[in-house]
Amino acid sequence: LLNDTIKQNIFYESGKLDNDKFNSAIEQSQFDKVINSYPNKENTIISENGGNFSGGQIKRLALARALYRDPDLLIMDETTSSLDSESEDKILSNLVNLKNNKLIIIISHDKRIFKYCDKVFKLENGKLTLEN
């Protein structure tokens, strides 16, 4: 994380800010609720290493940054692990809407997340198998 504004942290190294992409990314990541809780909104400064943000807020910010970049491949490793169930469901539902345009790989120990996946693979004892 940069010791800079929320906005700068999301469109970091992406060139000029695209407000439509920014708004879409914060909505899809459910980060808009976090932003709106601060008086300076997206101009709120994130302290060094995100010390003024919770783990869940940092994960939402990281997801917003990834969505802003609009990659063809999105790999998420325990991305929703520190979020409440309602936020997790909303974020994963938003990602389901993107799956026609992206390859999304979700790594998780939480079996509740599997309902959002088209295919589930299990890695156990060094073997990768397709779950039914």
Protein backbone atom coordinates (compact mmCIF):
# COMPACT_ATOMS: atom_id res chain seq x y z
CA LEU A 1 0.00 0.00 0.00
CA LEU A 2 1.08 3.51 -0.74
CA ASN A 3 1.09 6.18 1.93
CA ASP A 4 -1.34 8.15 -0.24
CA THR A 5 -5.06 8.58 -0.92
CA ILE A 6 -7.46 5.69 -1.43
CA LYS A 7 -7.96 6.89 -5.00
CA GLN A 8 -4.22 6.90 -5.74
CA ASN A 9 -3.88 3.42 -4.24
CA ILE A 10 -6.56 2.04 -6.55
CA PHE A 11 -5.44 3.50 -9.87
CA TYR A 12 -1.75 3.23 -8.92
CA GLU A 13 0.48 2.85 -12.01
CA SER A 14 -2.53 2.77 -14.33
CA GLY A 15 -1.95 6.14 -15.95
CA LYS A 16 -4.75 8.69 -15.93
CA LEU A 17 -7.72 8.11 -13.63
CA ASP A 18 -10.85 6.80 -15.37
CA ASN A 19 -13.73 7.74 -13.04
CA ASP A 20 -16.14 5.18 -14.54
CA LYS A 21 -13.64 2.35 -14.01
CA PHE A 22 -12.84 3.66 -10.54
CA ASN A 23 -16.52 3.76 -9.51
CA SER A 24 -17.16 0.32 -10.98
CA ALA A 25 -14.13 -1.18 -9.20
CA ILE A 26 -15.09 0.21 -5.80
CA GLU A 27 -18.69 -0.95 -6.19
CA GLN A 28 -17.75 -4.47 -7.33
CA SER A 29 -15.30 -4.84 -4.45
CA GLN A 30 -17.84 -3.43 -1.95
CA PHE A 31 -15.21 -0.80 -1.08
CA ASP A 32 -17.64 2.06 -1.71
CA LYS A 33 -19.17 1.56 1.75
CA VAL A 34 -15.73 1.90 3.32
CA ILE A 35 -14.91 5.01 1.31
CA ASN A 36 -18.22 6.63 2.18
CA SER A 37 -17.56 6.10 5.90
CA TYR A 38 -14.63 8.56 5.78
CA PRO A 39 -15.17 12.34 5.67
CA ASN A 40 -12.64 12.76 2.85
CA LYS A 41 -14.07 9.80 0.92
CA GLU A 42 -11.62 8.60 -1.78
CA ASN A 43 -9.19 11.35 -0.78
CA THR A 44 -8.64 9.74 2.63
CA ILE A 45 -4.97 9.07 3.25
CA ILE A 46 -3.92 5.49 3.87
CA SER A 47 -1.18 5.43 6.45
CA GLU A 48 2.03 3.44 6.01
CA ASN A 49 1.26 -0.26 5.52
CA GLY A 50 -2.45 0.49 5.85
CA GLY A 51 -2.28 0.93 9.61
CA ASN A 52 -5.51 2.93 9.68
CA PHE A 53 -7.44 0.21 7.80
CA SER A 54 -8.66 -3.21 8.93
CA GLY A 55 -7.59 -6.42 7.21
CA GLY A 56 -10.95 -6.66 5.44
CA GLN A 57 -10.72 -3.08 4.21
CA ILE A 58 -7.23 -3.70 2.84
CA LYS A 59 -8.49 -6.80 1.00
CA ARG A 60 -11.33 -4.80 -0.54
CA LEU A 61 -8.90 -2.11 -1.60
CA ALA A 62 -6.60 -4.71 -3.18
CA LEU A 63 -9.55 -6.21 -5.04
CA ALA A 64 -10.67 -2.73 -6.20
CA ARG A 65 -7.13 -2.12 -7.51
CA ALA A 66 -7.16 -5.43 -9.39
CA LEU A 67 -10.61 -4.79 -10.85
CA TYR A 68 -9.61 -1.27 -11.88
CA ARG A 69 -6.78 -2.73 -13.94
CA ASP A 70 -9.34 -4.98 -15.68
CA PRO A 71 -7.08 -8.01 -16.24
CA ASP A 72 -8.10 -11.02 -18.33
CA LEU A 73 -6.91 -13.29 -15.50
CA LEU A 74 -7.79 -12.63 -11.88
CA ILE A 75 -6.24 -14.87 -9.21
CA MET A 76 -7.69 -14.44 -5.75
CA ASP A 77 -6.03 -16.15 -2.78
CA GLU A 78 -8.29 -16.06 0.29
CA THR A 79 -9.44 -12.62 -0.87
CA THR A 80 -12.66 -12.63 1.12
CA SER A 81 -11.38 -14.47 4.21
CA SER A 82 -11.56 -11.49 6.60
CA LEU A 83 -14.93 -10.23 5.43
CA ASP A 84 -18.37 -10.76 6.89
CA SER A 85 -20.58 -13.28 5.05
CA GLU A 86 -22.86 -10.63 3.52
CA SER A 87 -19.95 -8.67 2.01
CA GLU A 88 -18.31 -11.87 0.82
CA ASP A 89 -21.52 -12.98 -0.93
CA LYS A 90 -21.95 -9.60 -2.63
CA ILE A 91 -18.35 -9.52 -3.85
CA LEU A 92 -18.48 -13.08 -5.15
CA SER A 93 -21.82 -12.43 -6.85
CA ASN A 94 -20.24 -9.41 -8.56
CA LEU A 95 -17.33 -11.57 -9.72
CA VAL A 96 -19.73 -14.15 -11.16
CA ASN A 97 -21.01 -11.38 -13.44
CA LEU A 98 -17.46 -10.89 -14.75
CA LYS A 99 -16.66 -14.53 -15.49
CA ASN A 100 -17.73 -14.35 -19.15
CA ASN A 101 -14.97 -11.80 -19.80
CA LYS A 102 -12.27 -13.11 -17.45
CA LEU A 103 -10.69 -16.23 -16.12
CA ILE A 104 -11.11 -16.03 -12.35
CA ILE A 105 -9.23 -18.41 -10.09
CA ILE A 106 -10.28 -18.42 -6.46
CA ILE A 107 -8.08 -20.12 -3.90
CA SER A 108 -9.92 -20.82 -0.67
CA HIS A 109 -10.34 -23.25 2.19
CA ASP A 110 -13.95 -22.10 2.63
CA LYS A 111 -16.28 -24.58 0.93
CA ARG A 112 -19.14 -22.03 0.94
CA ILE A 113 -17.31 -20.18 -1.84
CA PHE A 114 -17.47 -23.21 -4.16
CA LYS A 115 -21.08 -22.45 -5.08
CA TYR A 116 -19.80 -19.46 -7.08
CA CYS A 117 -17.38 -21.59 -9.09
CA ASP A 118 -17.90 -23.43 -12.36
CA LYS A 119 -15.17 -25.94 -11.53
CA VAL A 120 -13.61 -26.86 -8.22
CA PHE A 121 -10.20 -28.45 -7.95
CA LYS A 122 -8.75 -29.95 -4.81
CA LEU A 123 -5.03 -29.99 -4.05
CA GLU A 124 -4.18 -32.69 -1.57
CA ASN A 125 -0.92 -34.51 -0.94
CA GLY A 126 0.59 -32.92 -4.03
CA LYS A 127 -2.22 -34.15 -6.32
CA LEU A 128 -4.69 -31.92 -8.10
CA THR A 129 -8.14 -33.44 -8.71
CA LEU A 130 -11.41 -32.12 -10.12
CA GLU A 131 -14.20 -32.22 -7.56
CA ASN A 132 -17.69 -33.37 -8.59
